């Protein structure tokens, strides 16, 4: 169990997720704890209101965190299994930490042509 837990921890620490919004405004990269490590702005940001760009950044970060949580939970299942109560507890905690910290999760349908 200790070896599997170490392997899980190492794999999760190496995770990085990059996500671009569907309108070509932003691309974000987050690390294994959900911290923003890179932000790229597309050419379209010059034609979009700043508040829309800001919301798009926040929404894209939230999407990246959800994907990170999914990847982390897959790693937990691969290394510790899905039958272990400890593995389920760890997976749930990871999911809550990353998914519940998404203040912009409801802004996915924002229109960008203002």
PDB file of N, CA and C in Angstrom:
ATOM      1  N   UNK A   1       0.825  -1.195   0.000  1.00  0.00           N
ATOM      2  CA  UNK A   1       0.000   0.000   0.000  1.00  0.00           C
ATOM      3  C   UNK A   1       0.871   1.262   0.000  1.00  0.00           C
ATOM      4  N   UNK A   2       1.947   1.254   0.784  1.00  0.00           N
ATOM      5  CA  UNK A   2       2.821   2.422   0.847  1.00  0.00           C
ATOM      6  C   UNK A   2       3.483   2.686  -0.506  1.00  0.00           C
ATOM      7  N   UNK A   3       3.891   1.644  -1.191  1.00  0.00           N
ATOM      8  CA  UNK A   3       4.504   1.804  -2.509  1.00  0.00           C
ATOM      9  C   UNK A   3       3.499   2.367  -3.505  1.00  0.00           C
ATOM     10  N   UNK A   4       2.283   1.843  -3.464  1.00  0.00           N
ATOM     11  CA  UNK A   4       1.235   2.338  -4.362  1.00  0.00           C
ATOM     12  C   UNK A   4       0.898   3.797  -4.055  1.00  0.00           C
ATOM     13  N   UNK A   5       0.878   4.148  -2.792  1.00  0.00           N
ATOM     14  CA  UNK A   5       0.586   5.534  -2.401  1.00  0.00           C
ATOM     15  C   UNK A   5       1.693   6.470  -2.877  1.00  0.00           C
ATOM     16  N   UNK A   6       2.944   6.042  -2.761  1.00  0.00           N
ATOM     17  CA  UNK A   6       4.064   6.849  -3.263  1.00  0.00           C
ATOM     18  C   UNK A   6       3.973   7.021  -4.774  1.00  0.00           C
ATOM     19  N   UNK A   7       3.651   5.948  -5.480  1.00  0.00           N
ATOM     20  CA  UNK A   7       3.519   6.020  -6.944  1.00  0.00           C
ATOM     21  C   UNK A   7       2.388   6.969  -7.326  1.00  0.00           C
ATOM     22  N   UNK A   8       1.281   6.874  -6.613  1.00  0.00           N
ATOM     23  CA  UNK A   8       0.147   7.754  -6.881  1.00  0.00           C
ATOM     24  C   UNK A   8       0.553   9.210  -6.668  1.00  0.00           C
ATOM     25  N   UNK A   9       1.190   9.483  -5.564  1.00  0.00           N
ATOM     26  CA  UNK A   9       1.600  10.841  -5.238  1.00  0.00           C
ATOM     27  C   UNK A   9       2.553  11.397  -6.294  1.00  0.00           C
ATOM     28  N   UNK A  10       3.522  10.600  -6.719  1.00  0.00           N
ATOM     29  CA  UNK A  10       4.475  11.036  -7.741  1.00  0.00           C
ATOM     30  C   UNK A  10       3.769  11.361  -9.056  1.00  0.00           C
ATOM     31  N   UNK A  11       2.857  10.497  -9.464  1.00  0.00           N
ATOM     32  CA  UNK A  11       2.129  10.726 -10.724  1.00  0.00           C
ATOM     33  C   UNK A  11       1.251  11.965 -10.657  1.00  0.00           C
ATOM     34  N   UNK A  12       0.591  12.160  -9.538  1.00  0.00           N
ATOM     35  CA  UNK A  12      -0.280  13.333  -9.399  1.00  0.00           C
ATOM     36  C   UNK A  12       0.555  14.609  -9.380  1.00  0.00           C
ATOM     37  N   UNK A  13       1.697  14.595  -8.708  1.00  0.00           N
ATOM     38  CA  UNK A  13       2.543  15.786  -8.651  1.00  0.00           C
ATOM     39  C   UNK A  13       3.064  16.192 -10.029  1.00  0.00           C
ATOM     40  N   UNK A  14       3.164  15.251 -10.941  1.00  0.00           N
ATOM     41  CA  UNK A  14       3.647  15.541 -12.293  1.00  0.00           C
ATOM     42  C   UNK A  14       2.565  16.086 -13.215  1.00  0.00           C
ATOM     43  N   UNK A  15       1.315  16.031 -12.778  1.00  0.00           N
ATOM     44  CA  UNK A  15       0.207  16.452 -13.630  1.00  0.00           C
ATOM     45  C   UNK A  15       0.274  17.936 -13.979  1.00  0.00           C
ATOM     46  N   UNK A  16      -0.057  18.224 -15.225  1.00  0.00           N
ATOM     47  CA  UNK A  16      -0.300  19.584 -15.717  1.00  0.00           C
ATOM     48  C   UNK A  16      -1.419  19.451 -16.726  1.00  0.00           C
ATOM     49  N   UNK A  17      -2.304  20.407 -16.729  1.00  0.00           N
ATOM     50  CA  UNK A  17      -3.418  20.388 -17.666  1.00  0.00           C
ATOM     51  C   UNK A  17      -3.449  21.723 -18.397  1.00  0.00           C
ATOM     52  N   UNK A  18      -3.574  21.643 -19.734  1.00  0.00           N
ATOM     53  CA  UNK A  18      -3.706  22.830 -20.567  1.00  0.00           C
ATOM     54  C   UNK A  18      -5.048  22.777 -21.261  1.00  0.00           C
ATOM     55  N   UNK A  19      -5.806  23.876 -21.167  1.00  0.00           N
ATOM     56  CA  UNK A  19      -7.136  23.948 -21.761  1.00  0.00           C
ATOM     57  C   UNK A  19      -7.271  25.292 -22.471  1.00  0.00           C
ATOM     58  N   UNK A  20      -7.864  25.253 -23.664  1.00  0.00           N
ATOM     59  CA  UNK A  20      -8.186  26.478 -24.400  1.00  0.00           C
ATOM     60  C   UNK A  20      -9.696  26.626 -24.443  1.00  0.00           C
ATOM     61  N   UNK A  21     -10.163  27.874 -24.393  1.00  0.00           N
ATOM     62  CA  UNK A  21     -11.602  28.076 -24.517  1.00  0.00           C
ATOM     63  C   UNK A  21     -11.997  27.836 -25.974  1.00  0.00           C
ATOM     64  N   UNK A  22     -13.257  27.623 -26.210  1.00  0.00           N
ATOM     65  CA  UNK A  22     -13.742  27.285 -27.542  1.00  0.00           C
ATOM     66  C   UNK A  22     -13.751  28.422 -28.539  1.00  0.00           C
ATOM     67  N   UNK A  23     -13.471  29.629 -28.084  1.00  0.00           N
ATOM     68  CA  UNK A  23     -13.518  30.792 -28.961  1.00  0.00           C
ATOM     69  C   UNK A  23     -12.149  31.359 -29.301  1.00  0.00           C
ATOM     70  N   UNK A  24     -11.096  30.687 -28.885  1.00  0.00           N
ATOM     71  CA  UNK A  24      -9.750  31.130 -29.221  1.00  0.00           C
ATOM     72  C   UNK A  24      -9.282  32.367 -28.480  1.00  0.00           C
ATOM     73  N   UNK A  25      -9.901  32.654 -27.341  1.00  0.00           N
ATOM     74  CA  UNK A  25      -9.478  33.822 -26.573  1.00  0.00           C
ATOM     75  C   UNK A  25      -8.303  33.514 -25.653  1.00  0.00           C
ATOM     76  N   UNK A  26      -8.399  32.405 -24.914  1.00  0.00           N
ATOM     77  CA  UNK A  26      -7.381  32.108 -23.911  1.00  0.00           C
ATOM     78  C   UNK A  26      -7.018  30.628 -23.889  1.00  0.00           C
ATOM     79  N   UNK A  27      -5.815  30.373 -23.398  1.00  0.00           N
ATOM     80  CA  UNK A  27      -5.345  29.023 -23.113  1.00  0.00           C
ATOM     81  C   UNK A  27      -4.659  29.089 -21.756  1.00  0.00           C
ATOM     82  N   UNK A  28      -5.025  28.212 -20.865  1.00  0.00           N
ATOM     83  CA  UNK A  28      -4.439  28.197 -19.526  1.00  0.00           C
ATOM     84  C   UNK A  28      -3.780  26.852 -19.263  1.00  0.00           C
ATOM     85  N   UNK A  29      -2.736  26.879 -18.441  1.00  0.00           N
ATOM     86  CA  UNK A  29      -2.096  25.658 -17.961  1.00  0.00           C
ATOM     87  C   UNK A  29      -2.050  25.752 -16.446  1.00  0.00           C
ATOM     88  N   UNK A  30      -2.499  24.666 -15.807  1.00  0.00           N
ATOM     89  CA  UNK A  30      -2.447  24.592 -14.347  1.00  0.00           C
ATOM     90  C   UNK A  30      -1.582  23.412 -13.941  1.00  0.00           C
ATOM     91  N   UNK A  31      -1.033  23.514 -12.727  1.00  0.00           N
ATOM     92  CA  UNK A  31      -0.212  22.427 -12.220  1.00  0.00           C
ATOM     93  C   UNK A  31      -1.037  21.474 -11.367  1.00  0.00           C
ATOM     94  N   UNK A  32      -0.358  20.583 -10.684  1.00  0.00           N
ATOM     95  CA  UNK A  32      -1.035  19.497  -9.967  1.00  0.00           C
ATOM     96  C   UNK A  32      -1.906  19.958  -8.808  1.00  0.00           C
ATOM     97  N   UNK A  33      -1.721  21.175  -8.333  1.00  0.00           N
ATOM     98  CA  UNK A  33      -2.562  21.681  -7.244  1.00  0.00           C
ATOM     99  C   UNK A  33      -3.592  22.682  -7.750  1.00  0.00           C
ATOM    100  N   UNK A  34      -3.656  22.863  -9.058  1.00  0.00           N
ATOM    101  CA  UNK A  34      -4.632  23.766  -9.648  1.00  0.00           C
ATOM    102  C   UNK A  34      -4.153  25.193  -9.779  1.00  0.00           C
ATOM    103  N   UNK A  35      -2.867  25.433  -9.544  1.00  0.00           N
ATOM    104  CA  UNK A  35      -2.323  26.784  -9.665  1.00  0.00           C
ATOM    105  C   UNK A  35      -2.041  27.104 -11.131  1.00  0.00           C
ATOM    106  N   UNK A  36      -2.360  28.308 -11.531  1.00  0.00           N
ATOM    107  CA  UNK A  36      -2.110  28.769 -12.886  1.00  0.00           C
ATOM    108  C   UNK A  36      -0.609  28.908 -13.107  1.00  0.00           C
ATOM    109  N   UNK A  37      -0.078  28.217 -14.126  1.00  0.00           N
ATOM    110  CA  UNK A  37       1.356  28.302 -14.427  1.00  0.00           C
ATOM    111  C   UNK A  37       1.622  28.922 -15.792  1.00  0.00           C
ATOM    112  N   UNK A  38       0.582  29.034 -16.628  1.00  0.00           N
ATOM    113  CA  UNK A  38       0.754  29.686 -17.918  1.00  0.00           C
ATOM    114  C   UNK A  38      -0.598  30.196 -18.409  1.00  0.00           C
ATOM    115  N   UNK A  39      -0.572  31.347 -19.042  1.00  0.00           N
ATOM    116  CA  UNK A  39      -1.757  31.960 -19.618  1.00  0.00           C
ATOM    117  C   UNK A  39      -1.363  32.546 -20.955  1.00  0.00           C
ATOM    118  N   UNK A  40      -2.079  32.136 -21.994  1.00  0.00           N
ATOM    119  CA  UNK A  40      -1.827  32.665 -23.335  1.00  0.00           C
ATOM    120  C   UNK A  40      -3.116  33.285 -23.851  1.00  0.00           C
ATOM    121  N   UNK A  41      -2.978  34.480 -24.385  1.00  0.00           N
ATOM    122  CA  UNK A  41      -4.124  35.189 -24.934  1.00  0.00           C
ATOM    123  C   UNK A  41      -4.055  35.153 -26.449  1.00  0.00           C
ATOM    124  N   UNK A  42      -5.191  34.836 -27.083  1.00  0.00           N
ATOM    125  CA  UNK A  42      -5.265  34.806 -28.536  1.00  0.00           C
ATOM    126  C   UNK A  42      -5.460  36.210 -29.100  1.00  0.00           C
ATOM    127  N   UNK A  43      -5.319  36.337 -30.391  1.00  0.00           N
ATOM    128  CA  UNK A  43      -5.470  37.629 -31.065  1.00  0.00           C
ATOM    129  C   UNK A  43      -6.868  38.216 -30.880  1.00  0.00           C
ATOM    130  N   UNK A  44      -7.880  37.370 -30.707  1.00  0.00           N
ATOM    131  CA  UNK A  44      -9.261  37.843 -30.581  1.00  0.00           C
ATOM    132  C   UNK A  44      -9.510  38.695 -29.346  1.00  0.00           C
ATOM    133  N   UNK A  45      -8.645  38.605 -28.328  1.00  0.00           N
ATOM    134  CA  UNK A  45      -8.890  39.376 -27.109  1.00  0.00           C
ATOM    135  C   UNK A  45      -8.918  40.875 -27.384  1.00  0.00           C
ATOM    136  N   UNK A  46      -8.306  41.303 -28.456  1.00  0.00           N
ATOM    137  CA  UNK A  46      -8.286  42.728 -28.794  1.00  0.00           C
ATOM    138  C   UNK A  46      -9.652  43.228 -29.244  1.00  0.00           C
ATOM    139  N   UNK A  47     -10.532  42.303 -29.656  1.00  0.00           N
ATOM    140  CA  UNK A  47     -11.856  42.673 -30.151  1.00  0.00           C
ATOM    141  C   UNK A  47     -12.975  42.329 -29.171  1.00  0.00           C
ATOM    142  N   UNK A  48     -12.611  41.960 -27.950  1.00  0.00           N
ATOM    143  CA  UNK A  48     -13.597  41.516 -26.967  1.00  0.00           C
ATOM    144  C   UNK A  48     -13.473  42.388 -25.715  1.00  0.00           C
ATOM    145  N   UNK A  49     -14.600  42.665 -25.099  1.00  0.00           N
ATOM    146  CA  UNK A  49     -14.622  43.481 -23.884  1.00  0.00           C
ATOM    147  C   UNK A  49     -13.768  42.841 -22.785  1.00  0.00           C
ATOM    148  N   UNK A  50     -13.043  43.658 -22.025  1.00  0.00           N
ATOM    149  CA  UNK A  50     -12.178  43.128 -20.963  1.00  0.00           C
ATOM    150  C   UNK A  50     -12.904  42.246 -19.954  1.00  0.00           C
ATOM    151  N   UNK A  51     -14.137  42.579 -19.599  1.00  0.00           N
ATOM    152  CA  UNK A  51     -14.854  41.743 -18.630  1.00  0.00           C
ATOM    153  C   UNK A  51     -15.148  40.361 -19.202  1.00  0.00           C
ATOM    154  N   UNK A  52     -15.363  40.278 -20.501  1.00  0.00           N
ATOM    155  CA  UNK A  52     -15.587  38.976 -21.139  1.00  0.00           C
ATOM    156  C   UNK A  52     -14.292  38.165 -21.138  1.00  0.00           C
ATOM    157  N   UNK A  53     -13.181  38.825 -21.413  1.00  0.00           N
ATOM    158  CA  UNK A  53     -11.884  38.140 -21.370  1.00  0.00           C
ATOM    159  C   UNK A  53     -11.624  37.621 -19.963  1.00  0.00           C
ATOM    160  N   UNK A  54     -11.882  38.447 -18.966  1.00  0.00           N
ATOM    161  CA  UNK A  54     -11.661  38.031 -17.577  1.00  0.00           C
ATOM    162  C   UNK A  54     -12.523  36.818 -17.223  1.00  0.00           C
ATOM    163  N   UNK A  55     -13.808  36.860 -17.571  1.00  0.00           N
ATOM    164  CA  UNK A  55     -14.698  35.722 -17.281  1.00  0.00           C
ATOM    165  C   UNK A  55     -14.250  34.477 -18.034  1.00  0.00           C
ATOM    166  N   UNK A  56     -13.790  34.670 -19.274  1.00  0.00           N
ATOM    167  CA  UNK A  56     -13.319  33.524 -20.066  1.00  0.00           C
ATOM    168  C   UNK A  56     -12.093  32.900 -19.423  1.00  0.00           C
ATOM    169  N   UNK A  57     -11.189  33.709 -18.923  1.00  0.00           N
ATOM    170  CA  UNK A  57     -10.012  33.182 -18.222  1.00  0.00           C
ATOM    171  C   UNK A  57     -10.453  32.370 -17.010  1.00  0.00           C
ATOM    172  N   UNK A  58     -11.330  32.934 -16.201  1.00  0.00           N
ATOM    173  CA  UNK A  58     -11.778  32.239 -14.989  1.00  0.00           C
ATOM    174  C   UNK A  58     -12.520  30.942 -15.322  1.00  0.00           C
ATOM    175  N   UNK A  59     -13.358  30.979 -16.339  1.00  0.00           N
ATOM    176  CA  UNK A  59     -14.111  29.789 -16.741  1.00  0.00           C
ATOM    177  C   UNK A  59     -13.173  28.709 -17.276  1.00  0.00           C
ATOM    178  N   UNK A  60     -12.167  29.116 -18.030  1.00  0.00           N
ATOM    179  CA  UNK A  60     -11.214  28.158 -18.597  1.00  0.00           C
ATOM    180  C   UNK A  60     -10.359  27.547 -17.497  1.00  0.00           C
ATOM    181  N   UNK A  61      -9.989  28.328 -16.509  1.00  0.00           N
ATOM    182  CA  UNK A  61      -9.262  27.780 -15.353  1.00  0.00           C
ATOM    183  C   UNK A  61     -10.135  26.755 -14.625  1.00  0.00           C
ATOM    184  N   UNK A  62     -11.406  27.075 -14.436  1.00  0.00           N
ATOM    185  CA  UNK A  62     -12.322  26.147 -13.771  1.00  0.00           C
ATOM    186  C   UNK A  62     -12.435  24.835 -14.546  1.00  0.00           C
ATOM    187  N   UNK A  63     -12.526  24.927 -15.860  1.00  0.00           N
ATOM    188  CA  UNK A  63     -12.586  23.719 -16.688  1.00  0.00           C
ATOM    189  C   UNK A  63     -11.298  22.912 -16.559  1.00  0.00           C
ATOM    190  N   UNK A  64     -10.174  23.589 -16.555  1.00  0.00           N
ATOM    191  CA  UNK A  64      -8.889  22.899 -16.398  1.00  0.00           C
ATOM    192  C   UNK A  64      -8.823  22.189 -15.043  1.00  0.00           C
ATOM    193  N   UNK A  65      -9.332  22.832 -13.998  1.00  0.00           N
ATOM    194  CA  UNK A  65      -9.332  22.197 -12.675  1.00  0.00           C
ATOM    195  C   UNK A  65     -10.216  20.957 -12.646  1.00  0.00           C
ATOM    196  N   UNK A  66     -11.356  21.019 -13.325  1.00  0.00           N
ATOM    197  CA  UNK A  66     -12.213  19.828 -13.390  1.00  0.00           C
ATOM    198  C   UNK A  66     -11.499  18.697 -14.131  1.00  0.00           C
ATOM    199  N   UNK A  67     -10.807  19.029 -15.214  1.00  0.00           N
ATOM    200  CA  UNK A  67     -10.056  18.004 -15.942  1.00  0.00           C
ATOM    201  C   UNK A  67      -8.920  17.458 -15.090  1.00  0.00           C
ATOM    202  N   UNK A  68      -8.259  18.340 -14.351  1.00  0.00           N
ATOM    203  CA  UNK A  68      -7.193  17.907 -13.450  1.00  0.00           C
ATOM    204  C   UNK A  68      -7.745  16.939 -12.407  1.00  0.00           C
ATOM    205  N   UNK A  69      -8.886  17.266 -11.835  1.00  0.00           N
ATOM    206  CA  UNK A  69      -9.518  16.380 -10.848  1.00  0.00           C
ATOM    207  C   UNK A  69      -9.827  15.025 -11.467  1.00  0.00           C
ATOM    208  N   UNK A  70     -10.342  15.022 -12.695  1.00  0.00           N
ATOM    209  CA  UNK A  70     -10.633  13.755 -13.374  1.00  0.00           C
ATOM    210  C   UNK A  70      -9.365  12.929 -13.562  1.00  0.00           C
ATOM    211  N   UNK A  71      -8.292  13.566 -14.030  1.00  0.00           N
ATOM    212  CA  UNK A  71      -7.020  12.855 -14.236  1.00  0.00           C
ATOM    213  C   UNK A  71      -6.467  12.329 -12.915  1.00  0.00           C
ATOM    214  N   UNK A  72      -6.526  13.149 -11.871  1.00  0.00           N
ATOM    215  CA  UNK A  72      -6.028  12.717 -10.563  1.00  0.00           C
ATOM    216  C   UNK A  72      -6.828  11.526 -10.045  1.00  0.00           C
ATOM    217  N   UNK A  73      -8.140  11.574 -10.223  1.00  0.00           N
ATOM    218  CA  UNK A  73      -8.967  10.464  -9.765  1.00  0.00           C
ATOM    219  C   UNK A  73      -8.687   9.188 -10.560  1.00  0.00           C
ATOM    220  N   UNK A  74      -8.374   9.319 -11.844  1.00  0.00           N
ATOM    221  CA  UNK A  74      -7.978   8.148 -12.638  1.00  0.00           C
ATOM    222  C   UNK A  74      -6.683   7.552 -12.099  1.00  0.00           C
ATOM    223  N   UNK A  75      -5.723   8.414 -11.789  1.00  0.00           N
ATOM    224  CA  UNK A  75      -4.449   7.944 -11.239  1.00  0.00           C
ATOM    225  C   UNK A  75      -4.675   7.236  -9.912  1.00  0.00           C
ATOM    226  N   UNK A  76      -5.514   7.799  -9.067  1.00  0.00           N
ATOM    227  CA  UNK A  76      -5.811   7.170  -7.775  1.00  0.00           C
ATOM    228  C   UNK A  76      -6.418   5.791  -7.995  1.00  0.00           C
ATOM    229  N   UNK A  77      -7.357   5.686  -8.924  1.00  0.00           N
ATOM    230  CA  UNK A  77      -7.962   4.391  -9.230  1.00  0.00           C
ATOM    231  C   UNK A  77      -6.959   3.400  -9.793  1.00  0.00           C
ATOM    232  N   UNK A  78      -6.056   3.876 -10.662  1.00  0.00           N
ATOM    233  CA  UNK A  78      -5.043   2.999 -11.261  1.00  0.00           C
ATOM    234  C   UNK A  78      -4.036   2.497 -10.238  1.00  0.00           C
ATOM    235  N   UNK A  79      -3.657   3.348  -9.304  1.00  0.00           N
ATOM    236  CA  UNK A  79      -2.591   2.973  -8.373  1.00  0.00           C
ATOM    237  C   UNK A  79      -3.102   2.342  -7.080  1.00  0.00           C
ATOM    238  N   UNK A  80      -4.224   2.827  -6.564  1.00  0.00           N
ATOM    239  CA  UNK A  80      -4.737   2.308  -5.294  1.00  0.00           C
ATOM    240  C   UNK A  80      -5.958   1.420  -5.468  1.00  0.00           C
ATOM    241  N   UNK A  81      -6.552   1.475  -6.660  1.00  0.00           N
ATOM    242  CA  UNK A  81      -7.758   0.700  -6.903  1.00  0.00           C
ATOM    243  C   UNK A  81      -8.992   1.476  -6.507  1.00  0.00           C
ATOM    244  N   UNK A  82     -10.119   0.943  -6.879  1.00  0.00           N
ATOM    245  CA  UNK A  82     -11.377   1.626  -6.572  1.00  0.00           C
ATOM    246  C   UNK A  82     -12.131   0.963  -5.416  1.00  0.00           C
ATOM    247  N   UNK A  83     -11.631  -0.165  -4.934  1.00  0.00           N
ATOM    248  CA  UNK A  83     -12.304  -0.881  -3.849  1.00  0.00           C
ATOM    249  C   UNK A  83     -11.884  -0.402  -2.469  1.00  0.00           C
ATOM    250  N   UNK A  84     -10.756   0.269  -2.401  1.00  0.00           N
ATOM    251  CA  UNK A  84     -10.214   0.698  -1.118  1.00  0.00           C
ATOM    252  C   UNK A  84     -10.956   1.917  -0.585  1.00  0.00           C
ATOM    253  N   UNK A  85     -11.408   1.859   0.668  1.00  0.00           N
ATOM    254  CA  UNK A  85     -12.032   3.044   1.267  1.00  0.00           C
ATOM    255  C   UNK A  85     -11.078   4.240   1.300  1.00  0.00           C
ATOM    256  N   UNK A  86      -9.793   3.969   1.517  1.00  0.00           N
ATOM    257  CA  UNK A  86      -8.802   5.050   1.538  1.00  0.00           C
ATOM    258  C   UNK A  86      -8.696   5.704   0.165  1.00  0.00           C
ATOM    259  N   UNK A  87      -8.679   4.888  -0.877  1.00  0.00           N
ATOM    260  CA  UNK A  87      -8.596   5.428  -2.237  1.00  0.00           C
ATOM    261  C   UNK A  87      -9.825   6.256  -2.570  1.00  0.00           C
ATOM    262  N   UNK A  88     -10.991   5.765  -2.188  1.00  0.00           N
ATOM    263  CA  UNK A  88     -12.224   6.526  -2.447  1.00  0.00           C
ATOM    264  C   UNK A  88     -12.213   7.852  -1.697  1.00  0.00           C
ATOM    265  N   UNK A  89     -11.725   7.835  -0.464  1.00  0.00           N
ATOM    266  CA  UNK A  89     -11.666   9.066   0.325  1.00  0.00           C
ATOM    267  C   UNK A  89     -10.693  10.064  -0.287  1.00  0.00           C
ATOM    268  N   UNK A  90      -9.550   9.590  -0.727  1.00  0.00           N
ATOM    269  CA  UNK A  90      -8.565  10.469  -1.361  1.00  0.00           C
ATOM    270  C   UNK A  90      -9.132  11.048  -2.648  1.00  0.00           C
ATOM    271  N   UNK A  91      -9.748  10.201  -3.469  1.00  0.00           N
ATOM    272  CA  UNK A  91     -10.319  10.661  -4.741  1.00  0.00           C
ATOM    273  C   UNK A  91     -11.411  11.695  -4.502  1.00  0.00           C
ATOM    274  N   UNK A  92     -12.238  11.466  -3.501  1.00  0.00           N
ATOM    275  CA  UNK A  92     -13.299  12.420  -3.193  1.00  0.00           C
ATOM    276  C   UNK A  92     -12.725  13.756  -2.730  1.00  0.00           C
ATOM    277  N   UNK A  93     -11.709  13.696  -1.887  1.00  0.00           N
ATOM    278  CA  UNK A  93     -11.091  14.924  -1.376  1.00  0.00           C
ATOM    279  C   UNK A  93     -10.441  15.719  -2.511  1.00  0.00           C
ATOM    280  N   UNK A  94      -9.742  15.035  -3.404  1.00  0.00           N
ATOM    281  CA  UNK A  94      -9.116  15.709  -4.556  1.00  0.00           C
ATOM    282  C   UNK A  94     -10.186  16.364  -5.418  1.00  0.00           C
ATOM    283  N   UNK A  95     -11.250  15.625  -5.690  1.00  0.00           N
ATOM    284  CA  UNK A  95     -12.336  16.171  -6.504  1.00  0.00           C
ATOM    285  C   UNK A  95     -12.962  17.393  -5.871  1.00  0.00           C
ATOM    286  N   UNK A  96     -13.201  17.350  -4.579  1.00  0.00           N
ATOM    287  CA  UNK A  96     -13.806  18.495  -3.879  1.00  0.00           C
ATOM    288  C   UNK A  96     -12.887  19.700  -3.891  1.00  0.00           C
ATOM    289  N   UNK A  97     -11.611  19.485  -3.648  1.00  0.00           N
ATOM    290  CA  UNK A  97     -10.666  20.603  -3.597  1.00  0.00           C
ATOM    291  C   UNK A  97     -10.581  21.322  -4.935  1.00  0.00           C
ATOM    292  N   UNK A  98     -10.605  20.586  -6.017  1.00  0.00           N
ATOM    293  CA  UNK A  98     -10.447  21.209  -7.329  1.00  0.00           C
ATOM    294  C   UNK A  98     -11.767  21.678  -7.921  1.00  0.00           C
ATOM    295  N   UNK A  99     -12.811  20.905  -7.761  1.00  0.00           N
ATOM    296  CA  UNK A  99     -14.091  21.271  -8.375  1.00  0.00           C
ATOM    297  C   UNK A  99     -14.850  22.323  -7.580  1.00  0.00           C
ATOM    298  N   UNK A 100     -14.780  22.278  -6.264  1.00  0.00           N
ATOM    299  CA  UNK A 100     -15.533  23.215  -5.444  1.00  0.00           C
ATOM    300  C   UNK A 100     -14.940  24.619  -5.437  1.00  0.00           C
ATOM    301  N   UNK A 101     -13.733  24.773  -5.921  1.00  0.00           N
ATOM    302  CA  UNK A 101     -13.082  26.084  -5.942  1.00  0.00           C
ATOM    303  C   UNK A 101     -13.278  26.773  -7.285  1.00  0.00           C
ATOM    304  N   UNK A 102     -14.390  26.486  -7.971  1.00  0.00           N
ATOM    305  CA  UNK A 102     -14.637  27.006  -9.318  1.00  0.00           C
ATOM    306  C   UNK A 102     -15.681  28.113  -9.300  1.00  0.00           C
ATOM    307  N   UNK A 103     -15.301  29.353  -9.007  1.00  0.00           N
ATOM    308  CA  UNK A 103     -16.285  30.423  -8.928  1.00  0.00           C
ATOM    309  C   UNK A 103     -16.936  30.745 -10.265  1.00  0.00           C
ATOM    310  N   UNK A 104     -16.293  30.398 -11.361  1.00  0.00           N
ATOM    311  CA  UNK A 104     -16.821  30.759 -12.674  1.00  0.00           C
ATOM    312  C   UNK A 104     -17.436  29.574 -13.395  1.00  0.00           C
ATOM    313  N   UNK A 105     -17.683  28.481 -12.716  1.00  0.00           N
ATOM    314  CA  UNK A 105     -18.146  27.258 -13.370  1.00  0.00           C
ATOM    315  C   UNK A 105     -19.431  27.441 -14.139  1.00  0.00           C
ATOM    316  N   UNK A 106     -20.257  28.384 -13.782  1.00  0.00           N
ATOM    317  CA  UNK A 106     -21.521  28.565 -14.465  1.00  0.00           C
ATOM    318  C   UNK A 106     -21.463  29.471 -15.683  1.00  0.00           C
ATOM    319  N   UNK A 107     -20.299  29.984 -16.052  1.00  0.00           N
ATOM    320  CA  UNK A 107     -20.204  30.964 -17.133  1.00  0.00           C
ATOM    321  C   UNK A 107     -19.857  30.340 -18.488  1.00  0.00           C
ATOM    322  N   UNK A 108     -19.949  29.039 -18.645  1.00  0.00           N
ATOM    323  CA  UNK A 108     -19.533  28.377 -19.871  1.00  0.00           C
ATOM    324  C   UNK A 108     -20.246  28.890 -21.117  1.00  0.00           C
ATOM    325  N   UNK A 109     -21.490  29.324 -21.003  1.00  0.00           N
ATOM    326  CA  UNK A 109     -22.248  29.711 -22.183  1.00  0.00           C
ATOM    327  C   UNK A 109     -22.134  31.177 -22.543  1.00  0.00           C
ATOM    328  N   UNK A 110     -21.193  31.896 -22.000  1.00  0.00           N
ATOM    329  CA  UNK A 110     -21.057  33.332 -22.243  1.00  0.00           C
ATOM    330  C   UNK A 110     -20.863  33.627 -23.728  1.00  0.00           C
ATOM    331  N   UNK A 111     -21.502  34.669 -24.202  1.00  0.00           N
ATOM    332  CA  UNK A 111     -21.351  35.114 -25.594  1.00  0.00           C
ATOM    333  C   UNK A 111     -20.160  36.057 -25.669  1.00  0.00           C
ATOM    334  N   UNK A 112     -19.351  35.961 -26.733  1.00  0.00           N
ATOM    335  CA  UNK A 112     -18.085  36.685 -26.803  1.00  0.00           C
ATOM    336  C   UNK A 112     -18.114  37.835 -27.791  1.00  0.00           C
ATOM    337  N   UNK A 113     -19.188  38.138 -28.429  1.00  0.00           N
ATOM    338  CA  UNK A 113     -19.183  39.123 -29.482  1.00  0.00           C
ATOM    339  C   UNK A 113     -19.618  40.510 -29.058  1.00  0.00           C
ATOM    340  N   UNK A 114     -19.565  40.853 -27.808  1.00  0.00           N
ATOM    341  CA  UNK A 114     -20.016  42.166 -27.329  1.00  0.00           C
ATOM    342  C   UNK A 114     -19.320  43.307 -28.012  1.00  0.00           C
TER     343      UNK A 114
END
